Structures are given as C-alpha cells and as structure tokens.
Amino acid sequence: MALDFAAGCIGGAAGVLVGHPFDTVKVRLQVQNVDKPLYRGTIHCFQSIIRQESMLGLYKGIGSPMMGLTFINAIVFGVQGNAMRHLGRDTPLNQFLAGASAGAIQCVICCPMELAKTRMQMQGTGEKKSKRKVYKNSLDCLVRIYRKEGFRGINRGMVTTLVRETPGFGVYFLAYDTLTRSLGCEPEDPYMIPKLLFAGGMSGIASWLSTYPVDVIKSRLQADGVGGVNKYNSIMDCVRQSLKKEGWRVFTRGLTSTLLRAFPVNATTFATVTLFLMYMREGEECSIQNSESQSVQLQPLQQQTQPSM
C-alpha cells in the first residue's frame, strides 16, 4: 500500500504541472457571465489571459492543487489498490467499485482544495496586476472563507464533488484496466510506454465525459459569492437558473479545454504511477530472491561448522 501512495504522489505532481493552464481556462469559461462574456471560446480565453495577465495568469491558484492533488492522488491510488486486494478478484466490476470508493474518500481534501483553486483563478480576471487582492494565496483563501462562513463554507460544493468524483473515478479505473488489457501492456513490450500513455489519456477523457455536467454546476457554486454577490440558493437553483438562461449547452462550457487537459494530465499520471510501481516491485522481488539465495548458501556452511557429537 505504501508503494501505491508514493506512486500517487509522484503522478499527481507531474499531472498538475502539465494540466493547470487548461484548468484555469476551463473554470473561466464555466463561470463567466453569459450576458457579458469575456471569452468567445477556448483559444480566445488562452490568448486573453496571456495578453491581459501574462503567462502567470494561467497558473493562478496552482498552489492549492500542488499541495492537494499530490495527497489526493496518493489517497486515490492507495485506496484503490487496497480495495482491489480486499475485493480479491480482478474483474471490471471490482475495478469500478474500487475506483468509486477511492473517489468518494478523497472528496474530503478535493472539495476545499478546488474551492480555493477556483477562487484564486477568478481573482483579478483581466488584470496583469490585481489592484485589490482578496486572497494572498490558497491557504489564506481557505482561512478567510472559514472565518467568514465556518466549516460549511470551506466545504461549499461537497455534494456535487461527491456526485462527480464517485462514479468518475469508477469509470477512470475501469477504462484504464480495460484499455491496458486490450492493448497488451506487458513489461517486455517495446511499445509499453506509448500504450500506457494512450490508455491513461483516454481513461481521463472517459472519466470527464461521464460526469462533466456536474462539474459545471460545482464550479458555479464554488465561484458564487466572488465579488460579494450570491446568485444561487442551492444545487437545484443553480441548475434551474443555468438552464433557463443558457439552455442545455451550459453543461458543455469549458469542455474543449477540459478534454485537452485530460489527455496529457492523465497520460502522465497513469504512466508515471504504473512504471513506478512496476520498477519498485521488480526491485523488491530481486532483493527477496537475493536474500533467499544467500540463506540457502549459508545453510550448508552452518552444517559444516557444527561440531560432531
């Protein structure tokens, strides 16, 4: 289990660095005012952020996922691996159940982390240097929200996070297991790494597609109140208002940047985790074999040195 946690930490850090700019674009597109939109689409949003806020604008709020996603991935891969060992048989259903349980447990960290990330990403929109910074950093953001709204405030969007993450991670691990089996990702295969990257990337896309509408609502609820104005009373109120104003297309806002992010991030994460576990387990097996061979060699020597009675 310790190896699963360590692999998750490494994979998580790699994934954040690759995908955070796409996540910033996704959040901006999901929560922008439809009456006065700042961005026409994914490419225009990228261009606008770089022009108005510099390249650093794309990395706003990265502190929160760098701290949180490392632990989240450690929890996810650790819990999933442990759940599979408890479930016993490696079947598609068990892969889904193990992934879903991991997704549900990590929400405890994921929800506050994404709240801080969203608030930081929305801060100073369109400004190279924010004239008035409400939050200094992700930790300061959570502290201020806690002081103002209490425990409930830092867990804003928890229900939608659970609804998104539980089936989403089930699909995530099920898709990865199915793809790696069908592609034949064996250690001796010279194309193993490209196959792992492809399987990881496509698993991420499948996971996001399965729960993306819920993510739009979650982002809107967590961004609600930025600027001092609250628009939504509840999850259903957010759904009703969004549908009434923007129609069914509201549930695809930011989807392009999400899928562009999903492939490289999850390809990097899954390939890193799989290779790390593979090499570490090979090392463990070699050390066990060496210790066994040494004990076998020592036994005859001990017998020879024993005094005869």
C-alpha atoms as a PDB file:
ATOM      1  CA  MET A   1       0.000   0.000   0.000  1.00  0.00           C
ATOM      2  CA  ALA A   2       2.919   2.367   0.756  1.00  0.00           C
ATOM      3  CA  LEU A   3       4.104   1.982  -2.839  1.00  0.00           C
ATOM      4  CA  ASP A   4       0.624   2.921  -4.131  1.00  0.00           C
ATOM      5  CA  PHE A   5       0.679   6.099  -2.035  1.00  0.00           C
ATOM      6  CA  ALA A   6       4.212   7.053  -3.166  1.00  0.00           C
ATOM      7  CA  ALA A   7       3.362   6.420  -6.819  1.00  0.00           C
ATOM      8  CA  GLY A   8       0.220   8.536  -6.494  1.00  0.00           C
ATOM      9  CA  CYS A   9       2.225  11.453  -5.041  1.00  0.00           C
ATOM     10  CA  ILE A  10       4.691  11.433  -7.941  1.00  0.00           C
ATOM     11  CA  GLY A  11       1.970  11.039 -10.564  1.00  0.00           C
ATOM     12  CA  GLY A  12      -0.099  13.826  -9.010  1.00  0.00           C
ATOM     13  CA  ALA A  13       2.707  16.394  -9.053  1.00  0.00           C
ATOM     14  CA  ALA A  14       3.525  15.583 -12.680  1.00  0.00           C
ATOM     15  CA  GLY A  15      -0.135  15.903 -13.682  1.00  0.00           C
ATOM     16  CA  VAL A  16      -0.604  19.339 -12.050  1.00  0.00           C
ATOM     17  CA  LEU A  17       2.344  20.920 -13.847  1.00  0.00           C
ATOM     18  CA  VAL A  18       1.122  19.654 -17.222  1.00  0.00           C
ATOM     19  CA  GLY A  19      -2.561  20.488 -16.879  1.00  0.00           C
ATOM     20  CA  HIS A  20      -3.117  23.559 -14.695  1.00  0.00           C
ATOM     21  CA  PRO A  21      -3.280  26.167 -17.523  1.00  0.00           C
ATOM     22  CA  PHE A  22      -6.101  24.185 -19.181  1.00  0.00           C
ATOM     23  CA  ASP A  23      -7.917  24.027 -15.849  1.00  0.00           C
ATOM     24  CA  THR A  24      -7.747  27.814 -15.449  1.00  0.00           C
ATOM     25  CA  VAL A  25      -9.314  28.234 -18.900  1.00  0.00           C
ATOM     26  CA  LYS A  26     -11.999  25.651 -18.052  1.00  0.00           C
ATOM     27  CA  VAL A  27     -13.032  27.444 -14.866  1.00  0.00           C
ATOM     28  CA  ARG A  28     -13.090  30.888 -16.528  1.00  0.00           C
ATOM     29  CA  LEU A  29     -15.352  29.579 -19.319  1.00  0.00           C
ATOM     30  CA  GLN A  30     -17.648  27.708 -16.925  1.00  0.00           C
ATOM     31  CA  VAL A  31     -18.387  30.650 -14.634  1.00  0.00           C
ATOM     32  CA  GLN A  32     -18.218  33.696 -16.921  1.00  0.00           C
ATOM     33  CA  ASN A  33     -21.295  35.930 -17.161  1.00  0.00           C
ATOM     34  CA  VAL A  34     -23.270  34.869 -20.230  1.00  0.00           C
ATOM     35  CA  ASP A  35     -24.743  38.397 -20.604  1.00  0.00           C
ATOM     36  CA  LYS A  36     -21.273  39.971 -20.728  1.00  0.00           C
ATOM     37  CA  PRO A  37     -18.903  37.173 -21.786  1.00  0.00           C
ATOM     38  CA  LEU A  38     -15.190  37.930 -21.613  1.00  0.00           C
ATOM     39  CA  TYR A  39     -14.162  34.958 -23.753  1.00  0.00           C
ATOM     40  CA  ARG A  40     -15.503  33.621 -27.064  1.00  0.00           C
ATOM     41  CA  GLY A  41     -14.027  30.149 -26.671  1.00  0.00           C
ATOM     42  CA  THR A  42     -11.045  28.098 -25.507  1.00  0.00           C
ATOM     43  CA  ILE A  43      -8.379  29.640 -27.778  1.00  0.00           C
ATOM     44  CA  HIS A  44      -9.644  33.189 -27.200  1.00  0.00           C
ATOM     45  CA  CYS A  45      -9.598  32.566 -23.435  1.00  0.00           C
ATOM     46  CA  PHE A  46      -5.972  31.364 -23.598  1.00  0.00           C
ATOM     47  CA  GLN A  47      -4.960  34.386 -25.669  1.00  0.00           C
ATOM     48  CA  SER A  48      -6.830  36.856 -23.447  1.00  0.00           C
ATOM     49  CA  ILE A  49      -5.334  35.537 -20.202  1.00  0.00           C
ATOM     50  CA  ILE A  50      -1.777  35.629 -21.608  1.00  0.00           C
ATOM     51  CA  ARG A  51      -2.268  39.130 -23.082  1.00  0.00           C
ATOM     52  CA  GLN A  52      -4.005  40.658 -20.057  1.00  0.00           C
ATOM     53  CA  GLU A  53      -2.452  38.742 -17.166  1.00  0.00           C
ATOM     54  CA  SER A  54       0.792  37.296 -18.659  1.00  0.00           C
ATOM     55  CA  MET A  55       1.687  33.592 -18.681  1.00  0.00           C
ATOM     56  CA  LEU A  56       1.468  33.584 -14.891  1.00  0.00           C
ATOM     57  CA  GLY A  57      -2.263  34.181 -15.236  1.00  0.00           C
ATOM     58  CA  LEU A  58      -2.653  30.615 -16.495  1.00  0.00           C
ATOM     59  CA  TYR A  59      -1.041  29.340 -13.278  1.00  0.00           C
ATOM     60  CA  LYS A  60      -3.237  31.243 -10.843  1.00  0.00           C
ATOM     61  CA  GLY A  61      -4.277  29.010  -7.965  1.00  0.00           C
ATOM     62  CA  ILE A  62      -1.645  26.339  -8.707  1.00  0.00           C
ATOM     63  CA  GLY A  63      -0.552  26.295  -5.065  1.00  0.00           C
ATOM     64  CA  SER A  64      -3.756  24.575  -3.972  1.00  0.00           C
ATOM     65  CA  PRO A  65      -3.610  21.627  -6.435  1.00  0.00           C
ATOM     66  CA  MET A  66       0.164  21.280  -5.985  1.00  0.00           C
ATOM     67  CA  MET A  67      -0.435  20.771  -2.264  1.00  0.00           C
ATOM     68  CA  GLY A  68      -3.744  18.950  -2.558  1.00  0.00           C
ATOM     69  CA  LEU A  69      -3.539  16.843  -5.716  1.00  0.00           C
ATOM     70  CA  THR A  70      -0.339  15.174  -4.565  1.00  0.00           C
ATOM     71  CA  PHE A  71      -2.164  13.887  -1.474  1.00  0.00           C
ATOM     72  CA  ILE A  72      -5.354  13.252  -3.438  1.00  0.00           C
ATOM     73  CA  ASN A  73      -3.582  11.009  -5.945  1.00  0.00           C
ATOM     74  CA  ALA A  74      -1.771   9.270  -3.096  1.00  0.00           C
ATOM     75  CA  ILE A  75      -5.147   8.583  -1.440  1.00  0.00           C
ATOM     76  CA  VAL A  76      -6.813   7.567  -4.719  1.00  0.00           C
ATOM     77  CA  PHE A  77      -4.154   5.077  -5.821  1.00  0.00           C
ATOM     78  CA  GLY A  78      -3.572   3.849  -2.262  1.00  0.00           C
ATOM     79  CA  VAL A  79      -7.282   3.264  -1.537  1.00  0.00           C
ATOM     80  CA  GLN A  80      -7.934   1.782  -4.984  1.00  0.00           C
ATOM     81  CA  GLY A  81      -5.033  -0.665  -4.661  1.00  0.00           C
ATOM     82  CA  ASN A  82      -6.087  -1.638  -1.134  1.00  0.00           C
ATOM     83  CA  ALA A  83      -9.736  -2.024  -2.172  1.00  0.00           C
ATOM     84  CA  MET A  84      -8.743  -4.335  -5.029  1.00  0.00           C
ATOM     85  CA  ARG A  85      -6.771  -6.500  -2.601  1.00  0.00           C
ATOM     86  CA  HIS A  86      -9.801  -6.723  -0.274  1.00  0.00           C
ATOM     87  CA  LEU A  87     -12.223  -7.429  -3.136  1.00  0.00           C
ATOM     88  CA  GLY A  88      -9.969 -10.285  -4.234  1.00  0.00           C
ATOM     89  CA  ARG A  89     -10.787 -10.909  -7.889  1.00  0.00           C
ATOM     90  CA  ASP A  90      -9.611  -8.519 -10.597  1.00  0.00           C
ATOM     91  CA  THR A  91     -12.880  -8.017 -12.503  1.00  0.00           C
ATOM     92  CA  PRO A  92     -14.276  -4.958 -14.336  1.00  0.00           C
ATOM     93  CA  LEU A  93     -16.958  -4.513 -11.645  1.00  0.00           C
ATOM     94  CA  ASN A  94     -14.363  -4.632  -8.862  1.00  0.00           C
ATOM     95  CA  GLN A  95     -12.200  -2.109 -10.731  1.00  0.00           C
ATOM     96  CA  PHE A  96     -15.196   0.233 -10.891  1.00  0.00           C
ATOM     97  CA  LEU A  97     -16.097  -0.283  -7.208  1.00  0.00           C
ATOM     98  CA  ALA A  98     -12.500   0.192  -6.042  1.00  0.00           C
ATOM     99  CA  GLY A  99     -12.178   3.365  -8.122  1.00  0.00           C
ATOM    100  CA  ALA A 100     -15.536   4.707  -6.894  1.00  0.00           C
ATOM    101  CA  SER A 101     -14.596   4.147  -3.244  1.00  0.00           C
ATOM    102  CA  ALA A 102     -11.281   5.936  -3.790  1.00  0.00           C
ATOM    103  CA  GLY A 103     -13.097   8.819  -5.491  1.00  0.00           C
ATOM    104  CA  ALA A 104     -15.563   9.202  -2.614  1.00  0.00           C
ATOM    105  CA  ILE A 105     -12.887   9.169   0.123  1.00  0.00           C
ATOM    106  CA  GLN A 106     -10.634  11.778  -1.495  1.00  0.00           C
ATOM    107  CA  CYS A 107     -13.506  14.330  -1.642  1.00  0.00           C
ATOM    108  CA  VAL A 108     -12.612  15.364   1.907  1.00  0.00           C
ATOM    109  CA  ILE A 109      -9.455  17.009   0.515  1.00  0.00           C
ATOM    110  CA  CYS A 110     -10.629  17.604  -3.045  1.00  0.00           C
ATOM    111  CA  CYS A 111     -13.593  19.875  -2.236  1.00  0.00           C
ATOM    112  CA  PRO A 112     -11.769  22.525  -0.137  1.00  0.00           C
ATOM    113  CA  MET A 113      -8.784  22.372  -2.497  1.00  0.00           C
ATOM    114  CA  GLU A 114     -10.924  23.041  -5.565  1.00  0.00           C
ATOM    115  CA  LEU A 115     -12.800  25.809  -3.759  1.00  0.00           C
ATOM    116  CA  ALA A 116      -9.511  27.631  -3.065  1.00  0.00           C
ATOM    117  CA  LYS A 117      -8.280  26.938  -6.611  1.00  0.00           C
ATOM    118  CA  THR A 118     -11.467  28.305  -8.185  1.00  0.00           C
ATOM    119  CA  ARG A 119     -11.466  31.457  -6.049  1.00  0.00           C
ATOM    120  CA  MET A 120      -7.783  32.106  -6.840  1.00  0.00           C
ATOM    121  CA  GLN A 121      -8.346  31.518 -10.561  1.00  0.00           C
ATOM    122  CA  MET A 122     -11.198  34.035 -10.617  1.00  0.00           C
ATOM    123  CA  GLN A 123      -9.258  36.675  -8.687  1.00  0.00           C
ATOM    124  CA  GLY A 124      -8.018  39.587 -10.808  1.00  0.00           C
ATOM    125  CA  THR A 125      -9.656  38.392 -14.028  1.00  0.00           C
ATOM    126  CA  GLY A 126      -8.371  40.511 -16.925  1.00  0.00           C
ATOM    127  CA  GLU A 127      -5.756  42.334 -14.790  1.00  0.00           C
ATOM    128  CA  LYS A 128      -1.995  41.945 -15.112  1.00  0.00           C
ATOM    129  CA  LYS A 129      -1.582  43.109 -11.518  1.00  0.00           C
ATOM    130  CA  SER A 130      -4.634  42.778  -9.338  1.00  0.00           C
ATOM    131  CA  LYS A 131      -5.485  46.170  -7.860  1.00  0.00           C
ATOM    132  CA  ARG A 132      -7.159  44.611  -4.855  1.00  0.00           C
ATOM    133  CA  LYS A 133      -6.210  41.077  -3.880  1.00  0.00           C
ATOM    134  CA  VAL A 134      -8.809  39.472  -1.664  1.00  0.00           C
ATOM    135  CA  TYR A 135      -6.657  36.376  -1.108  1.00  0.00           C
ATOM    136  CA  LYS A 136      -2.853  36.252  -0.818  1.00  0.00           C
ATOM    137  CA  ASN A 137      -2.635  32.545  -1.609  1.00  0.00           C
ATOM    138  CA  SER A 138      -4.670  29.319  -1.466  1.00  0.00           C
ATOM    139  CA  LEU A 139      -4.174  28.805   2.282  1.00  0.00           C
ATOM    140  CA  ASP A 140      -5.134  32.418   3.029  1.00  0.00           C
ATOM    141  CA  CYS A 141      -8.227  31.906   0.848  1.00  0.00           C
ATOM    142  CA  LEU A 142      -9.411  28.908   2.902  1.00  0.00           C
ATOM    143  CA  VAL A 143      -8.663  30.661   6.205  1.00  0.00           C
ATOM    144  CA  ARG A 144     -10.686  33.732   5.172  1.00  0.00           C
ATOM    145  CA  ILE A 145     -13.606  31.607   3.952  1.00  0.00           C
ATOM    146  CA  TYR A 146     -13.542  29.622   7.212  1.00  0.00           C
ATOM    147  CA  ARG A 147     -13.573  32.805   9.333  1.00  0.00           C
ATOM    148  CA  LYS A 148     -16.473  34.211   7.352  1.00  0.00           C
ATOM    149  CA  GLU A 149     -18.589  31.109   6.645  1.00  0.00           C
ATOM    150  CA  GLY A 150     -17.254  28.439   9.005  1.00  0.00           C
ATOM    151  CA  PHE A 151     -16.765  24.736   8.254  1.00  0.00           C
ATOM    152  CA  ARG A 152     -19.705  24.720   5.871  1.00  0.00           C
ATOM    153  CA  GLY A 153     -18.093  27.490   3.833  1.00  0.00           C
ATOM    154  CA  ILE A 154     -14.854  25.632   3.104  1.00  0.00           C
ATOM    155  CA  ASN A 155     -16.907  22.602   2.064  1.00  0.00           C
ATOM    156  CA  ARG A 156     -19.060  24.512  -0.405  1.00  0.00           C
ATOM    157  CA  GLY A 157     -19.838  22.203  -3.327  1.00  0.00           C
ATOM    158  CA  MET A 158     -19.200  18.976  -1.369  1.00  0.00           C
ATOM    159  CA  VAL A 159     -22.368  17.230  -2.609  1.00  0.00           C
ATOM    160  CA  THR A 160     -21.628  17.993  -6.266  1.00  0.00           C
ATOM    161  CA  THR A 161     -17.999  16.957  -5.722  1.00  0.00           C
ATOM    162  CA  LEU A 162     -19.157  13.583  -4.350  1.00  0.00           C
ATOM    163  CA  VAL A 163     -21.607  13.127  -7.237  1.00  0.00           C
ATOM    164  CA  ARG A 164     -18.828  13.904  -9.714  1.00  0.00           C
ATOM    165  CA  GLU A 165     -15.919  12.021  -8.140  1.00  0.00           C
ATOM    166  CA  THR A 166     -17.542   8.749  -7.062  1.00  0.00           C
ATOM    167  CA  PRO A 167     -18.723   7.497 -10.491  1.00  0.00           C
ATOM    168  CA  GLY A 168     -15.983   9.489 -12.257  1.00  0.00           C
ATOM    169  CA  PHE A 169     -13.153   7.565 -10.593  1.00  0.00           C
ATOM    170  CA  GLY A 170     -15.032   4.305 -11.072  1.00  0.00           C
ATOM    171  CA  VAL A 171     -15.075   4.964 -14.833  1.00  0.00           C
ATOM    172  CA  TYR A 172     -11.454   6.169 -14.645  1.00  0.00           C
ATOM    173  CA  PHE A 173     -10.005   2.912 -13.298  1.00  0.00           C
ATOM    174  CA  LEU A 174     -12.397   0.687 -15.247  1.00  0.00           C
ATOM    175  CA  ALA A 175     -11.428   2.369 -18.550  1.00  0.00           C
ATOM    176  CA  TYR A 176      -7.701   2.169 -17.760  1.00  0.00           C
ATOM    177  CA  ASP A 177      -7.885  -1.513 -16.828  1.00  0.00           C
ATOM    178  CA  THR A 178      -9.925  -2.347 -19.949  1.00  0.00           C
ATOM    179  CA  LEU A 179      -7.585  -0.418 -22.280  1.00  0.00           C
ATOM    180  CA  THR A 180      -4.316  -1.770 -20.839  1.00  0.00           C
ATOM    181  CA  ARG A 181      -5.641  -5.334 -21.124  1.00  0.00           C
ATOM    182  CA  SER A 182      -6.843  -4.884 -24.702  1.00  0.00           C
ATOM    183  CA  LEU A 183      -3.615  -3.130 -25.754  1.00  0.00           C
ATOM    184  CA  GLY A 184      -1.456  -5.776 -24.070  1.00  0.00           C
ATOM    185  CA  CYS A 185       0.738  -3.542 -21.908  1.00  0.00           C
ATOM    186  CA  GLU A 186       3.366  -6.093 -20.887  1.00  0.00           C
ATOM    187  CA  PRO A 187       6.800  -5.171 -19.397  1.00  0.00           C
ATOM    188  CA  GLU A 188       8.679  -6.809 -22.307  1.00  0.00           C
ATOM    189  CA  ASP A 189       6.623  -4.888 -24.917  1.00  0.00           C
ATOM    190  CA  PRO A 190       8.852  -2.237 -26.617  1.00  0.00           C
ATOM    191  CA  TYR A 191       5.765  -0.021 -27.085  1.00  0.00           C
ATOM    192  CA  MET A 192       4.609  -0.351 -23.483  1.00  0.00           C
ATOM    193  CA  ILE A 193       5.134   3.329 -22.543  1.00  0.00           C
ATOM    194  CA  PRO A 194       3.190   4.768 -25.536  1.00  0.00           C
ATOM    195  CA  LYS A 195       0.404   2.271 -24.802  1.00  0.00           C
ATOM    196  CA  LEU A 196       0.313   3.303 -21.124  1.00  0.00           C
ATOM    197  CA  LEU A 197       0.201   6.974 -22.112  1.00  0.00           C
ATOM    198  CA  PHE A 198      -2.653   6.348 -24.543  1.00  0.00           C
ATOM    199  CA  ALA A 199      -4.620   4.245 -22.018  1.00  0.00           C
ATOM    200  CA  GLY A 200      -4.146   6.853 -19.276  1.00  0.00           C
ATOM    201  CA  GLY A 201      -5.130   9.758 -21.524  1.00  0.00           C
ATOM    202  CA  MET A 202      -8.262   8.058 -22.846  1.00  0.00           C
ATOM    203  CA  SER A 203      -9.255   6.987 -19.311  1.00  0.00           C
ATOM    204  CA  GLY A 204      -9.117  10.622 -18.232  1.00  0.00           C
ATOM    205  CA  ILE A 205     -11.296  11.682 -21.168  1.00  0.00           C
ATOM    206  CA  ALA A 206     -13.841   8.913 -20.428  1.00  0.00           C
ATOM    207  CA  SER A 207     -13.973   9.924 -16.771  1.00  0.00           C
ATOM    208  CA  TRP A 208     -14.576  13.616 -17.527  1.00  0.00           C
ATOM    209  CA  LEU A 209     -17.216  12.916 -20.165  1.00  0.00           C
ATOM    210  CA  SER A 210     -19.162  10.725 -17.719  1.00  0.00           C
ATOM    211  CA  THR A 211     -19.616  13.487 -15.120  1.00  0.00           C
ATOM    212  CA  TYR A 212     -18.845  16.814 -16.827  1.00  0.00           C
ATOM    213  CA  PRO A 213     -22.300  18.471 -16.376  1.00  0.00           C
ATOM    214  CA  VAL A 214     -21.924  18.028 -12.603  1.00  0.00           C
ATOM    215  CA  ASP A 215     -18.518  19.741 -12.760  1.00  0.00           C
ATOM    216  CA  VAL A 216     -20.057  22.838 -14.382  1.00  0.00           C
ATOM    217  CA  ILE A 217     -22.553  23.147 -11.516  1.00  0.00           C
ATOM    218  CA  LYS A 218     -19.814  22.533  -8.919  1.00  0.00           C
ATOM    219  CA  SER A 219     -17.625  25.288 -10.394  1.00  0.00           C
ATOM    220  CA  ARG A 220     -20.539  27.735 -10.425  1.00  0.00           C
ATOM    221  CA  LEU A 221     -21.435  27.000  -6.812  1.00  0.00           C
ATOM    222  CA  GLN A 222     -17.829  27.368  -5.663  1.00  0.00           C
ATOM    223  CA  ALA A 223     -17.318  30.610  -7.617  1.00  0.00           C
ATOM    224  CA  ASP A 224     -20.626  32.000  -6.350  1.00  0.00           C
ATOM    225  CA  GLY A 225     -20.029  34.905  -3.992  1.00  0.00           C
ATOM    226  CA  VAL A 226     -16.869  36.181  -5.717  1.00  0.00           C
ATOM    227  CA  GLY A 227     -17.402  39.932  -5.811  1.00  0.00           C
ATOM    228  CA  GLY A 228     -19.744  39.783  -2.824  1.00  0.00           C
ATOM    229  CA  VAL A 229     -22.882  38.695  -4.726  1.00  0.00           C
ATOM    230  CA  ASN A 230     -24.510  35.266  -4.248  1.00  0.00           C
ATOM    231  CA  LYS A 231     -26.718  34.107  -7.137  1.00  0.00           C
ATOM    232  CA  TYR A 232     -27.604  30.546  -6.157  1.00  0.00           C
ATOM    233  CA  ASN A 233     -29.519  29.232  -3.131  1.00  0.00           C
ATOM    234  CA  SER A 234     -28.896  25.528  -3.766  1.00  0.00           C
ATOM    235  CA  ILE A 235     -27.724  22.947  -6.304  1.00  0.00           C
ATOM    236  CA  MET A 236     -31.143  22.726  -7.950  1.00  0.00           C
ATOM    237  CA  ASP A 237     -31.448  26.523  -8.027  1.00  0.00           C
ATOM    238  CA  CYS A 238     -28.087  26.686  -9.835  1.00  0.00           C
ATOM    239  CA  VAL A 239     -29.252  24.024 -12.333  1.00  0.00           C
ATOM    240  CA  ARG A 240     -32.566  25.833 -12.935  1.00  0.00           C
ATOM    241  CA  GLN A 241     -31.023  29.275 -13.391  1.00  0.00           C
ATOM    242  CA  SER A 242     -28.259  27.965 -15.664  1.00  0.00           C
ATOM    243  CA  LEU A 243     -30.709  26.025 -17.864  1.00  0.00           C
ATOM    244  CA  LYS A 244     -33.170  28.908 -18.054  1.00  0.00           C
ATOM    245  CA  LYS A 245     -30.529  31.425 -19.073  1.00  0.00           C
ATOM    246  CA  GLU A 246     -28.198  29.366 -21.284  1.00  0.00           C
ATOM    247  CA  GLY A 247     -30.018  26.172 -22.268  1.00  0.00           C
ATOM    248  CA  TRP A 248     -28.527  22.671 -22.394  1.00  0.00           C
ATOM    249  CA  ARG A 249     -25.262  23.999 -23.859  1.00  0.00           C
ATOM    250  CA  VAL A 250     -24.377  25.309 -20.413  1.00  0.00           C
ATOM    251  CA  PHE A 251     -23.339  21.759 -19.449  1.00  0.00           C
ATOM    252  CA  THR A 252     -20.596  21.749 -22.099  1.00  0.00           C
ATOM    253  CA  ARG A 253     -18.989  25.075 -21.157  1.00  0.00           C
ATOM    254  CA  GLY A 254     -15.218  24.617 -20.957  1.00  0.00           C
ATOM    255  CA  LEU A 255     -15.406  21.022 -22.221  1.00  0.00           C
ATOM    256  CA  THR A 256     -12.836  21.550 -25.004  1.00  0.00           C
ATOM    257  CA  SER A 257     -10.133  22.817 -22.636  1.00  0.00           C
ATOM    258  CA  THR A 258     -11.031  20.064 -20.152  1.00  0.00           C
ATOM    259  CA  LEU A 259     -10.517  17.309 -22.724  1.00  0.00           C
ATOM    260  CA  LEU A 260      -7.320  18.966 -23.985  1.00  0.00           C
ATOM    261  CA  ARG A 261      -6.116  18.929 -20.384  1.00  0.00           C
ATOM    262  CA  ALA A 262      -7.464  15.469 -19.545  1.00  0.00           C
ATOM    263  CA  PHE A 263      -5.364  13.554 -22.060  1.00  0.00           C
ATOM    264  CA  PRO A 264      -1.826  14.794 -21.189  1.00  0.00           C
ATOM    265  CA  VAL A 265      -2.512  15.027 -17.434  1.00  0.00           C
ATOM    266  CA  ASN A 266      -3.916  11.524 -17.066  1.00  0.00           C
ATOM    267  CA  ALA A 267      -1.493  10.019 -19.570  1.00  0.00           C
ATOM    268  CA  THR A 268       1.357  11.426 -17.445  1.00  0.00           C
ATOM    269  CA  THR A 269      -0.235  10.408 -14.143  1.00  0.00           C
ATOM    270  CA  PHE A 270      -1.133   6.820 -15.025  1.00  0.00           C
ATOM    271  CA  ALA A 271       2.092   6.099 -16.911  1.00  0.00           C
ATOM    272  CA  THR A 272       4.181   7.517 -14.038  1.00  0.00           C
ATOM    273  CA  VAL A 273       2.277   5.528 -11.405  1.00  0.00           C
ATOM    274  CA  THR A 274       2.329   2.275 -13.411  1.00  0.00           C
ATOM    275  CA  LEU A 275       6.050   2.482 -14.247  1.00  0.00           C
ATOM    276  CA  PHE A 276       6.977   3.476 -10.693  1.00  0.00           C
ATOM    277  CA  LEU A 277       5.049   0.531  -9.215  1.00  0.00           C
ATOM    278  CA  MET A 278       6.456  -1.838 -11.829  1.00  0.00           C
ATOM    279  CA  TYR A 279      10.099  -0.918 -11.187  1.00  0.00           C
ATOM    280  CA  MET A 280       9.715  -0.791  -7.410  1.00  0.00           C
ATOM    281  CA  ARG A 281       8.043  -4.202  -7.318  1.00  0.00           C
ATOM    282  CA  GLU A 282      10.760  -5.651  -9.566  1.00  0.00           C
ATOM    283  CA  GLY A 283      13.336  -4.277  -7.131  1.00  0.00           C
ATOM    284  CA  GLU A 284      11.512  -5.860  -4.193  1.00  0.00           C
ATOM    285  CA  GLU A 285      11.362  -9.242  -5.959  1.00  0.00           C
ATOM    286  CA  CYS A 286      15.103  -9.085  -6.774  1.00  0.00           C
ATOM    287  CA  SER A 287      16.006  -8.262  -3.152  1.00  0.00           C
ATOM    288  CA  ILE A 288      13.807 -11.131  -1.872  1.00  0.00           C
ATOM    289  CA  GLN A 289      15.406 -13.565  -4.336  1.00  0.00           C
ATOM    290  CA  ASN A 290      18.920 -12.411  -3.332  1.00  0.00           C
ATOM    291  CA  SER A 291      18.163 -12.806   0.387  1.00  0.00           C
ATOM    292  CA  GLU A 292      16.728 -16.304  -0.252  1.00  0.00           C
ATOM    293  CA  SER A 293      19.784 -17.394  -2.262  1.00  0.00           C
ATOM    294  CA  GLN A 294      22.110 -16.067   0.465  1.00  0.00           C
ATOM    295  CA  SER A 295      20.222 -18.019   3.152  1.00  0.00           C
ATOM    296  CA  VAL A 296      20.417 -21.178   1.020  1.00  0.00           C
ATOM    297  CA  GLN A 297      24.206 -20.718   0.646  1.00  0.00           C
ATOM    298  CA  LEU A 298      24.649 -20.128   4.385  1.00  0.00           C
ATOM    299  CA  GLN A 299      22.799 -23.284   5.441  1.00  0.00           C
ATOM    300  CA  PRO A 300      25.449 -25.795   4.137  1.00  0.00           C
ATOM    301  CA  LEU A 301      28.202 -23.698   5.678  1.00  0.00           C
ATOM    302  CA  GLN A 302      26.457 -23.746   9.063  1.00  0.00           C
ATOM    303  CA  GLN A 303      26.059 -27.510   8.812  1.00  0.00           C
ATOM    304  CA  GLN A 304      29.802 -27.914   8.056  1.00  0.00           C
ATOM    305  CA  THR A 305      30.880 -25.794  11.024  1.00  0.00           C
ATOM    306  CA  GLN A 306      28.659 -27.618  13.528  1.00  0.00           C
ATOM    307  CA  PRO A 307      30.825 -29.786  15.880  1.00  0.00           C
ATOM    308  CA  SER A 308      30.273 -33.556  15.650  1.00  0.00           C
ATOM    309  CA  MET A 309      28.919 -35.265  18.791  1.00  0.00           C
END
